[in-house]
Amino acid sequence: MSPKTSGTRSRGGSGRLMTTGRVTLGVIVVLAIVFIFENTRQTKIRLLIPEVTMPLWMALLGMGVVGWLAGQFMIRRR
């Protein structure tokens, strides 16, 4: 058996700590945290009749979730 195939693979694939996926995820998390801290001011939102006050980041997150759910619905309908 050659040294490359001797079965000494580490658990979890390549064994590298900094993979491309982890770095990308880390950047996305940092950007999300910066986004939240930059958009903490309160904003008024009218939902047909009631008017609610909430942080801007929470309103944007809610609309993002609604958009994602609508996209998932449309994909599953195909």
PDB file of N, CA and C in Angstrom:
ATOM      1  N   MET A   1       0.846  -1.169   0.000  1.00  0.00           N
ATOM      2  CA  MET A   1       0.000   0.000   0.000  1.00  0.00           C
ATOM      3  C   MET A   1       0.893   1.234   0.000  1.00  0.00           C
ATOM      4  N   SER A   2       0.558   2.207  -0.818  1.00  0.00           N
ATOM      5  CA  SER A   2       1.375   3.411  -0.882  1.00  0.00           C
ATOM      6  C   SER A   2       1.049   4.326   0.298  1.00  0.00           C
ATOM      7  N   PRO A   3       1.938   5.246   0.636  1.00  0.00           N
ATOM      8  CA  PRO A   3       1.684   6.142   1.770  1.00  0.00           C
ATOM      9  C   PRO A   3       0.438   7.005   1.580  1.00  0.00           C
ATOM     10  N   LYS A   4       0.075   7.300   0.343  1.00  0.00           N
ATOM     11  CA  LYS A   4      -1.101   8.126   0.103  1.00  0.00           C
ATOM     12  C   LYS A   4      -2.392   7.392   0.405  1.00  0.00           C
ATOM     13  N   THR A   5      -2.407   6.091   0.279  1.00  0.00           N
ATOM     14  CA  THR A   5      -3.631   5.315   0.494  1.00  0.00           C
ATOM     15  C   THR A   5      -3.520   4.410   1.715  1.00  0.00           C
ATOM     16  N   SER A   6      -2.734   4.790   2.676  1.00  0.00           N
ATOM     17  CA  SER A   6      -2.511   3.924   3.826  1.00  0.00           C
ATOM     18  C   SER A   6      -3.643   3.951   4.836  1.00  0.00           C
ATOM     19  N   GLY A   7      -4.692   4.734   4.564  1.00  0.00           N
ATOM     20  CA  GLY A   7      -5.834   4.742   5.479  1.00  0.00           C
ATOM     21  C   GLY A   7      -5.652   5.683   6.649  1.00  0.00           C
ATOM     22  N   THR A   8      -4.776   6.666   6.545  1.00  0.00           N
ATOM     23  CA  THR A   8      -4.559   7.605   7.650  1.00  0.00           C
ATOM     24  C   THR A   8      -5.349   8.882   7.448  1.00  0.00           C
ATOM     25  N   ARG A   9      -6.477   8.794   6.793  1.00  0.00           N
ATOM     26  CA  ARG A   9      -7.305   9.981   6.589  1.00  0.00           C
ATOM     27  C   ARG A   9      -7.859  10.451   7.919  1.00  0.00           C
ATOM     28  N   SER A  10      -7.896  11.738   8.070  1.00  0.00           N
ATOM     29  CA  SER A  10      -8.455  12.288   9.299  1.00  0.00           C
ATOM     30  C   SER A  10      -9.968  12.345   9.180  1.00  0.00           C
ATOM     31  N   ARG A  11     -10.612  12.433  10.289  1.00  0.00           N
ATOM     32  CA  ARG A  11     -12.050  12.496  10.325  1.00  0.00           C
ATOM     33  C   ARG A  11     -12.527  13.835   9.759  1.00  0.00           C
ATOM     34  N   GLY A  12     -13.576  13.835   8.957  1.00  0.00           N
ATOM     35  CA  GLY A  12     -14.124  15.074   8.430  1.00  0.00           C
ATOM     36  C   GLY A  12     -13.577  15.461   7.083  1.00  0.00           C
ATOM     37  N   GLY A  13     -13.027  14.553   6.352  1.00  0.00           N
ATOM     38  CA  GLY A  13     -12.588  14.868   4.997  1.00  0.00           C
ATOM     39  C   GLY A  13     -11.132  15.254   4.940  1.00  0.00           C
ATOM     40  N   SER A  14     -10.872  16.466   4.480  1.00  0.00           N
ATOM     41  CA  SER A  14      -9.500  16.879   4.227  1.00  0.00           C
ATOM     42  C   SER A  14      -8.732  17.200   5.498  1.00  0.00           C
ATOM     43  N   GLY A  15      -9.395  17.451   6.588  1.00  0.00           N
ATOM     44  CA  GLY A  15      -8.723  17.724   7.843  1.00  0.00           C
ATOM     45  C   GLY A  15      -8.261  19.157   7.989  1.00  0.00           C
ATOM     46  N   ARG A  16      -8.553  20.006   7.022  1.00  0.00           N
ATOM     47  CA  ARG A  16      -8.156  21.404   7.119  1.00  0.00           C
ATOM     48  C   ARG A  16      -9.129  22.154   8.006  1.00  0.00           C
ATOM     49  N   LEU A  17      -8.607  23.059   8.801  1.00  0.00           N
ATOM     50  CA  LEU A  17      -9.448  23.856   9.690  1.00  0.00           C
ATOM     51  C   LEU A  17     -10.174  24.951   8.913  1.00  0.00           C
ATOM     52  N   MET A  18      -9.485  25.603   7.992  1.00  0.00           N
ATOM     53  CA  MET A  18     -10.058  26.721   7.239  1.00  0.00           C
ATOM     54  C   MET A  18     -10.419  26.270   5.825  1.00  0.00           C
ATOM     55  N   THR A  19     -11.624  25.797   5.648  1.00  0.00           N
ATOM     56  CA  THR A  19     -12.089  25.413   4.315  1.00  0.00           C
ATOM     57  C   THR A  19     -12.787  26.612   3.672  1.00  0.00           C
ATOM     58  N   THR A  20     -13.006  26.544   2.392  1.00  0.00           N
ATOM     59  CA  THR A  20     -13.664  27.634   1.673  1.00  0.00           C
ATOM     60  C   THR A  20     -15.070  27.862   2.205  1.00  0.00           C
ATOM     61  N   GLY A  21     -15.785  26.787   2.482  1.00  0.00           N
ATOM     62  CA  GLY A  21     -17.142  26.912   3.003  1.00  0.00           C
ATOM     63  C   GLY A  21     -17.184  27.580   4.369  1.00  0.00           C
ATOM     64  N   ARG A  22     -16.237  27.228   5.229  1.00  0.00           N
ATOM     65  CA  ARG A  22     -16.202  27.830   6.565  1.00  0.00           C
ATOM     66  C   ARG A  22     -15.839  29.306   6.510  1.00  0.00           C
ATOM     67  N   VAL A  23     -14.913  29.658   5.634  1.00  0.00           N
ATOM     68  CA  VAL A  23     -14.536  31.060   5.491  1.00  0.00           C
ATOM     69  C   VAL A  23     -15.713  31.863   4.954  1.00  0.00           C
ATOM     70  N   THR A  24     -16.410  31.329   3.951  1.00  0.00           N
ATOM     71  CA  THR A  24     -17.581  32.000   3.390  1.00  0.00           C
ATOM     72  C   THR A  24     -18.663  32.171   4.444  1.00  0.00           C
ATOM     73  N   LEU A  25     -18.934  31.133   5.203  1.00  0.00           N
ATOM     74  CA  LEU A  25     -19.928  31.215   6.267  1.00  0.00           C
ATOM     75  C   LEU A  25     -19.525  32.247   7.313  1.00  0.00           C
ATOM     76  N   GLY A  26     -18.257  32.287   7.671  1.00  0.00           N
ATOM     77  CA  GLY A  26     -17.767  33.274   8.638  1.00  0.00           C
ATOM     78  C   GLY A  26     -17.958  34.701   8.150  1.00  0.00           C
ATOM     79  N   VAL A  27     -17.674  34.933   6.878  1.00  0.00           N
ATOM     80  CA  VAL A  27     -17.863  36.271   6.310  1.00  0.00           C
ATOM     81  C   VAL A  27     -19.335  36.655   6.320  1.00  0.00           C
ATOM     82  N   ILE A  28     -20.207  35.718   5.976  1.00  0.00           N
ATOM     83  CA  ILE A  28     -21.650  35.998   5.976  1.00  0.00           C
ATOM     84  C   ILE A  28     -22.138  36.309   7.386  1.00  0.00           C
ATOM     85  N   VAL A  29     -21.669  35.574   8.370  1.00  0.00           N
ATOM     86  CA  VAL A  29     -22.074  35.820   9.760  1.00  0.00           C
ATOM     87  C   VAL A  29     -21.609  37.200  10.223  1.00  0.00           C
ATOM     88  N   VAL A  30     -20.370  37.552   9.908  1.00  0.00           N
ATOM     89  CA  VAL A  30     -19.847  38.867  10.301  1.00  0.00           C
ATOM     90  C   VAL A  30     -20.654  39.977   9.629  1.00  0.00           C
ATOM     91  N   LEU A  31     -20.961  39.829   8.339  1.00  0.00           N
ATOM     92  CA  LEU A  31     -21.759  40.830   7.643  1.00  0.00           C
ATOM     93  C   LEU A  31     -23.165  40.937   8.227  1.00  0.00           C
ATOM     94  N   ALA A  32     -23.752  39.811   8.618  1.00  0.00           N
ATOM     95  CA  ALA A  32     -25.085  39.837   9.226  1.00  0.00           C
ATOM     96  C   ALA A  32     -25.058  40.570  10.568  1.00  0.00           C
ATOM     97  N   ILE A  33     -24.024  40.346  11.361  1.00  0.00           N
ATOM     98  CA  ILE A  33     -23.905  41.029  12.654  1.00  0.00           C
ATOM     99  C   ILE A  33     -23.716  42.527  12.454  1.00  0.00           C
ATOM    100  N   VAL A  34     -22.882  42.921  11.505  1.00  0.00           N
ATOM    101  CA  VAL A  34     -22.690  44.341  11.204  1.00  0.00           C
ATOM    102  C   VAL A  34     -24.009  44.956  10.737  1.00  0.00           C
ATOM    103  N   PHE A  35     -24.738  44.249   9.871  1.00  0.00           N
ATOM    104  CA  PHE A  35     -26.027  44.730   9.377  1.00  0.00           C
ATOM    105  C   PHE A  35     -27.001  44.967  10.531  1.00  0.00           C
ATOM    106  N   ILE A  36     -27.061  44.039  11.467  1.00  0.00           N
ATOM    107  CA  ILE A  36     -27.972  44.177  12.608  1.00  0.00           C
ATOM    108  C   ILE A  36     -27.600  45.384  13.456  1.00  0.00           C
ATOM    109  N   PHE A  37     -26.321  45.550  13.768  1.00  0.00           N
ATOM    110  CA  PHE A  37     -25.906  46.665  14.619  1.00  0.00           C
ATOM    111  C   PHE A  37     -26.029  48.019  13.919  1.00  0.00           C
ATOM    112  N   GLU A  38     -25.988  48.043  12.604  1.00  0.00           N
ATOM    113  CA  GLU A  38     -26.151  49.295  11.870  1.00  0.00           C
ATOM    114  C   GLU A  38     -27.611  49.681  11.697  1.00  0.00           C
ATOM    115  N   ASN A  39     -28.536  48.750  11.873  1.00  0.00           N
ATOM    116  CA  ASN A  39     -29.957  49.007  11.637  1.00  0.00           C
ATOM    117  C   ASN A  39     -30.790  48.741  12.887  1.00  0.00           C
ATOM    118  N   THR A  40     -30.379  49.300  14.003  1.00  0.00           N
ATOM    119  CA  THR A  40     -31.099  49.065  15.254  1.00  0.00           C
ATOM    120  C   THR A  40     -32.157  50.122  15.545  1.00  0.00           C
ATOM    121  N   ARG A  41     -32.215  51.182  14.766  1.00  0.00           N
ATOM    122  CA  ARG A  41     -33.192  52.223  15.069  1.00  0.00           C
ATOM    123  C   ARG A  41     -34.609  51.708  14.843  1.00  0.00           C
ATOM    124  N   GLN A  42     -35.535  52.271  15.589  1.00  0.00           N
ATOM    125  CA  GLN A  42     -36.933  51.867  15.498  1.00  0.00           C
ATOM    126  C   GLN A  42     -37.570  52.483  14.260  1.00  0.00           C
ATOM    127  N   THR A  43     -38.460  51.750  13.644  1.00  0.00           N
ATOM    128  CA  THR A  43     -39.184  52.250  12.487  1.00  0.00           C
ATOM    129  C   THR A  43     -40.651  51.864  12.610  1.00  0.00           C
ATOM    130  N   LYS A  44     -41.517  52.715  12.072  1.00  0.00           N
ATOM    131  CA  LYS A  44     -42.959  52.439  12.112  1.00  0.00           C
ATOM    132  C   LYS A  44     -43.344  51.723  10.833  1.00  0.00           C
ATOM    133  N   ILE A  45     -44.119  50.663  10.986  1.00  0.00           N
ATOM    134  CA  ILE A  45     -44.583  49.876   9.852  1.00  0.00           C
ATOM    135  C   ILE A  45     -46.096  49.742   9.957  1.00  0.00           C
ATOM    136  N   ARG A  46     -46.773  50.056   8.868  1.00  0.00           N
ATOM    137  CA  ARG A  46     -48.233  49.935   8.857  1.00  0.00           C
ATOM    138  C   ARG A  46     -48.604  48.616   8.187  1.00  0.00           C
ATOM    139  N   LEU A  47     -49.323  47.786   8.930  1.00  0.00           N
ATOM    140  CA  LEU A  47     -49.816  46.504   8.420  1.00  0.00           C
ATOM    141  C   LEU A  47     -51.316  46.630   8.206  1.00  0.00           C
ATOM    142  N   LEU A  48     -51.703  47.168   7.074  1.00  0.00           N
ATOM    143  CA  LEU A  48     -53.091  47.479   6.727  1.00  0.00           C
ATOM    144  C   LEU A  48     -53.684  48.467   7.725  1.00  0.00           C
ATOM    145  N   ILE A  49     -54.132  48.026   8.870  1.00  0.00           N
ATOM    146  CA  ILE A  49     -54.725  48.947   9.836  1.00  0.00           C
ATOM    147  C   ILE A  49     -53.785  49.229  11.009  1.00  0.00           C
ATOM    148  N   PRO A  50     -53.234  48.206  11.694  1.00  0.00           N
ATOM    149  CA  PRO A  50     -52.389  48.524  12.850  1.00  0.00           C
ATOM    150  C   PRO A  50     -51.034  49.080  12.411  1.00  0.00           C
ATOM    151  N   GLU A  51     -50.474  49.901  13.264  1.00  0.00           N
ATOM    152  CA  GLU A  51     -49.127  50.425  13.031  1.00  0.00           C
ATOM    153  C   GLU A  51     -48.239  49.898  14.146  1.00  0.00           C
ATOM    154  N   VAL A  52     -47.153  49.226  13.764  1.00  0.00           N
ATOM    155  CA  VAL A  52     -46.242  48.657  14.749  1.00  0.00           C
ATOM    156  C   VAL A  52     -44.898  49.354  14.651  1.00  0.00           C
ATOM    157  N   THR A  53     -44.177  49.367  15.754  1.00  0.00           N
ATOM    158  CA  THR A  53     -42.833  49.930  15.797  1.00  0.00           C
ATOM    159  C   THR A  53     -41.882  48.800  16.145  1.00  0.00           C
ATOM    160  N   MET A  54     -40.862  48.628  15.316  1.00  0.00           N
ATOM    161  CA  MET A  54     -39.879  47.571  15.550  1.00  0.00           C
ATOM    162  C   MET A  54     -38.555  48.000  14.949  1.00  0.00           C
ATOM    163  N   PRO A  55     -37.473  47.323  15.350  1.00  0.00           N
ATOM    164  CA  PRO A  55     -36.180  47.636  14.741  1.00  0.00           C
ATOM    165  C   PRO A  55     -36.194  47.345  13.241  1.00  0.00           C
ATOM    166  N   LEU A  56     -35.495  48.163  12.486  1.00  0.00           N
ATOM    167  CA  LEU A  56     -35.472  48.022  11.035  1.00  0.00           C
ATOM    168  C   LEU A  56     -34.947  46.660  10.607  1.00  0.00           C
ATOM    169  N   TRP A  57     -33.917  46.148  11.294  1.00  0.00           N
ATOM    170  CA  TRP A  57     -33.346  44.858  10.903  1.00  0.00           C
ATOM    171  C   TRP A  57     -34.363  43.744  11.048  1.00  0.00           C
ATOM    172  N   MET A  58     -35.229  43.843  12.053  1.00  0.00           N
ATOM    173  CA  MET A  58     -36.224  42.799  12.267  1.00  0.00           C
ATOM    174  C   MET A  58     -37.285  42.824  11.159  1.00  0.00           C
ATOM    175  N   ALA A  59     -37.675  44.022  10.729  1.00  0.00           N
ATOM    176  CA  ALA A  59     -38.636  44.137   9.643  1.00  0.00           C
ATOM    177  C   ALA A  59     -38.044  43.592   8.346  1.00  0.00           C
ATOM    178  N   LEU A  60     -36.778  43.917   8.065  1.00  0.00           N
ATOM    179  CA  LEU A  60     -36.138  43.419   6.855  1.00  0.00           C
ATOM    180  C   LEU A  60     -35.956  41.901   6.902  1.00  0.00           C
ATOM    181  N   LEU A  61     -35.615  41.377   8.072  1.00  0.00           N
ATOM    182  CA  LEU A  61     -35.482  39.936   8.224  1.00  0.00           C
ATOM    183  C   LEU A  61     -36.824  39.241   7.988  1.00  0.00           C
ATOM    184  N   GLY A  62     -37.886  39.816   8.537  1.00  0.00           N
ATOM    185  CA  GLY A  62     -39.219  39.249   8.340  1.00  0.00           C
ATOM    186  C   GLY A  62     -39.615  39.225   6.874  1.00  0.00           C
ATOM    187  N   MET A  63     -39.338  40.298   6.157  1.00  0.00           N
ATOM    188  CA  MET A  63     -39.666  40.342   4.731  1.00  0.00           C
ATOM    189  C   MET A  63     -38.780  39.385   3.934  1.00  0.00           C
ATOM    190  N   GLY A  64     -37.545  39.203   4.376  1.00  0.00           N
ATOM    191  CA  GLY A  64     -36.677  38.225   3.725  1.00  0.00           C
ATOM    192  C   GLY A  64     -37.200  36.811   3.895  1.00  0.00           C
ATOM    193  N   VAL A  65     -37.686  36.499   5.081  1.00  0.00           N
ATOM    194  CA  VAL A  65     -38.258  35.169   5.343  1.00  0.00           C
ATOM    195  C   VAL A  65     -39.519  34.961   4.509  1.00  0.00           C
ATOM    196  N   VAL A  66     -40.372  35.992   4.428  1.00  0.00           N
ATOM    197  CA  VAL A  66     -41.585  35.886   3.611  1.00  0.00           C
ATOM    198  C   VAL A  66     -41.213  35.665   2.146  1.00  0.00           C
ATOM    199  N   GLY A  67     -40.216  36.384   1.647  1.00  0.00           N
ATOM    200  CA  GLY A  67     -39.769  36.196   0.267  1.00  0.00           C
ATOM    201  C   GLY A  67     -39.203  34.812   0.031  1.00  0.00           C
ATOM    202  N   TRP A  68     -38.429  34.311   0.999  1.00  0.00           N
ATOM    203  CA  TRP A  68     -37.854  32.974   0.874  1.00  0.00           C
ATOM    204  C   TRP A  68     -38.965  31.921   0.842  1.00  0.00           C
ATOM    205  N   LEU A  69     -39.959  32.074   1.728  1.00  0.00           N
ATOM    206  CA  LEU A  69     -41.079  31.126   1.745  1.00  0.00           C
ATOM    207  C   LEU A  69     -41.863  31.169   0.435  1.00  0.00           C
ATOM    208  N   ALA A  70     -42.066  32.364  -0.115  1.00  0.00           N
ATOM    209  CA  ALA A  70     -42.768  32.470  -1.391  1.00  0.00           C
ATOM    210  C   ALA A  70     -41.961  31.793  -2.499  1.00  0.00           C
ATOM    211  N   GLY A  71     -40.651  31.960  -2.485  1.00  0.00           N
ATOM    212  CA  GLY A  71     -39.804  31.294  -3.472  1.00  0.00           C
ATOM    213  C   GLY A  71     -39.860  29.785  -3.342  1.00  0.00           C
ATOM    214  N   GLN A  72     -39.837  29.276  -2.119  1.00  0.00           N
ATOM    215  CA  GLN A  72     -39.937  27.838  -1.900  1.00  0.00           C
ATOM    216  C   GLN A  72     -41.276  27.301  -2.387  1.00  0.00           C
ATOM    217  N   PHE A  73     -42.329  28.048  -2.157  1.00  0.00           N
ATOM    218  CA  PHE A  73     -43.663  27.638  -2.620  1.00  0.00           C
ATOM    219  C   PHE A  73     -43.693  27.544  -4.137  1.00  0.00           C
ATOM    220  N   MET A  74     -43.111  28.534  -4.805  1.00  0.00           N
ATOM    221  CA  MET A  74     -43.135  28.554  -6.264  1.00  0.00           C
ATOM    222  C   MET A  74     -42.261  27.423  -6.839  1.00  0.00           C
ATOM    223  N   ILE A  75     -41.145  27.116  -6.204  1.00  0.00           N
ATOM    224  CA  ILE A  75     -40.273  26.044  -6.678  1.00  0.00           C
ATOM    225  C   ILE A  75     -40.970  24.698  -6.535  1.00  0.00           C
ATOM    226  N   ARG A  76     -41.657  24.456  -5.452  1.00  0.00           N
ATOM    227  CA  ARG A  76     -42.325  23.177  -5.210  1.00  0.00           C
ATOM    228  C   ARG A  76     -43.544  22.988  -6.107  1.00  0.00           C
ATOM    229  N   ARG A  77     -44.108  24.091  -6.600  1.00  0.00           N
ATOM    230  CA  ARG A  77     -45.281  23.991  -7.454  1.00  0.00           C
ATOM    231  C   ARG A  77     -44.930  23.522  -8.857  1.00  0.00           C
ATOM    232  N   ARG A  78     -43.661  23.634  -9.249  1.00  0.00           N
ATOM    233  CA  ARG A  78     -43.252  23.240 -10.601  1.00  0.00           C
ATOM    234  C   ARG A  78     -43.309  21.753 -10.802  1.00  0.00           C
TER     235      ARG A  78
END
